[in-house]
Amino acid sequence: MKELVEHIARSLVNDPAAATVTETENEDGVSLLLKVAPEDMGKVIGKQGRIAKAIRIVLKAAGAREGRKVNLEIE
């Protein structure tokens, strides 16, 4: 999951080195925290959050394949 989010985020931003993902396992599933450079925040979130929603949909589908819940937060 972590690699998937990193790949998507790095392809969207101008500064791919600043895009980092932290993965935390908990009883509900997996929590991912995406950090990007402040100037790239709009590219990851998108207009009205559409890109962020699309990333979350892809993650939920990948998590369902493995039988786990996935939560993405963008910082």
Protein backbone atom coordinates (compact mmCIF):
# COMPACT_ATOMS: atom_id res chain seq x y z
CA MET A 1 0.00 0.00 0.00
CA LYS A 2 2.77 2.38 0.97
CA GLU A 3 4.54 1.92 -2.37
CA LEU A 4 1.31 2.52 -4.26
CA VAL A 5 0.67 5.86 -2.54
CA GLU A 6 4.31 6.92 -3.00
CA HIS A 7 4.16 6.14 -6.71
CA ILE A 8 0.92 8.06 -7.23
CA ALA A 9 2.03 11.06 -5.18
CA ARG A 10 5.48 11.30 -6.76
CA SER A 11 3.96 11.27 -10.23
CA LEU A 12 1.71 14.22 -9.32
CA VAL A 13 4.10 16.63 -7.58
CA ASN A 14 6.96 18.86 -8.76
CA ASP A 15 9.27 17.77 -5.92
CA PRO A 16 9.07 13.95 -5.78
CA ALA A 17 11.81 13.70 -3.13
CA ALA A 18 9.61 15.59 -0.64
CA ALA A 19 6.73 13.11 -0.97
CA THR A 20 6.91 10.62 1.90
CA VAL A 21 4.45 8.07 3.21
CA THR A 22 4.33 6.71 6.75
CA GLU A 23 2.47 3.44 7.30
CA THR A 24 0.95 2.49 10.65
CA GLU A 25 -0.76 -0.83 11.38
CA ASN A 26 -3.69 -0.81 13.81
CA GLU A 27 -6.59 -3.10 14.72
CA ASP A 28 -8.84 -1.54 12.07
CA GLY A 29 -6.36 -1.92 9.23
CA VAL A 30 -3.68 0.34 7.84
CA SER A 31 -3.29 4.10 8.27
CA LEU A 32 -1.16 5.97 5.76
CA LEU A 33 0.12 9.52 6.23
CA LEU A 34 1.21 11.34 3.07
CA LYS A 35 3.47 14.36 3.41
CA VAL A 36 4.33 16.57 0.44
CA ALA A 37 5.96 19.96 -0.02
CA PRO A 38 3.61 22.87 0.80
CA GLU A 39 3.64 24.14 -2.79
CA ASP A 40 2.55 20.69 -4.04
CA MET A 41 -0.36 20.30 -1.63
CA GLY A 42 -2.91 21.56 -4.15
CA LYS A 43 -1.77 19.05 -6.77
CA VAL A 44 -2.30 16.13 -4.41
CA ILE A 45 -5.66 17.34 -3.12
CA GLY A 46 -7.04 18.69 -6.41
CA LYS A 47 -10.04 20.88 -7.03
CA GLN A 48 -12.68 20.19 -4.38
CA GLY A 49 -10.61 17.21 -3.22
CA ARG A 50 -11.20 15.15 -6.33
CA ILE A 51 -7.65 13.80 -6.66
CA ALA A 52 -7.49 12.93 -2.95
CA LYS A 53 -10.82 11.11 -3.27
CA ALA A 54 -9.57 9.20 -6.31
CA ILE A 55 -6.42 8.11 -4.47
CA ARG A 56 -8.53 6.94 -1.52
CA ILE A 57 -10.81 4.95 -3.86
CA VAL A 58 -7.82 3.18 -5.40
CA LEU A 59 -6.47 2.40 -1.93
CA LYS A 60 -9.81 1.03 -0.74
CA ALA A 61 -9.94 -1.25 -3.77
CA ALA A 62 -6.38 -2.46 -3.14
CA GLY A 63 -7.17 -2.96 0.54
CA ALA A 64 -10.33 -4.90 -0.24
CA ARG A 65 -8.24 -7.24 -2.35
CA GLU A 66 -6.14 -8.02 0.71
CA GLY A 67 -9.08 -7.95 3.12
CA ARG A 68 -7.85 -4.87 5.03
CA LYS A 69 -9.18 -1.37 5.58
CA VAL A 70 -6.96 1.47 4.42
CA ASN A 71 -7.13 5.06 5.65
CA LEU A 72 -5.19 7.89 3.95
CA GLU A 73 -4.45 11.24 5.55
CA ILE A 74 -2.70 14.06 3.74
CA GLU A 75 -0.60 16.39 5.85
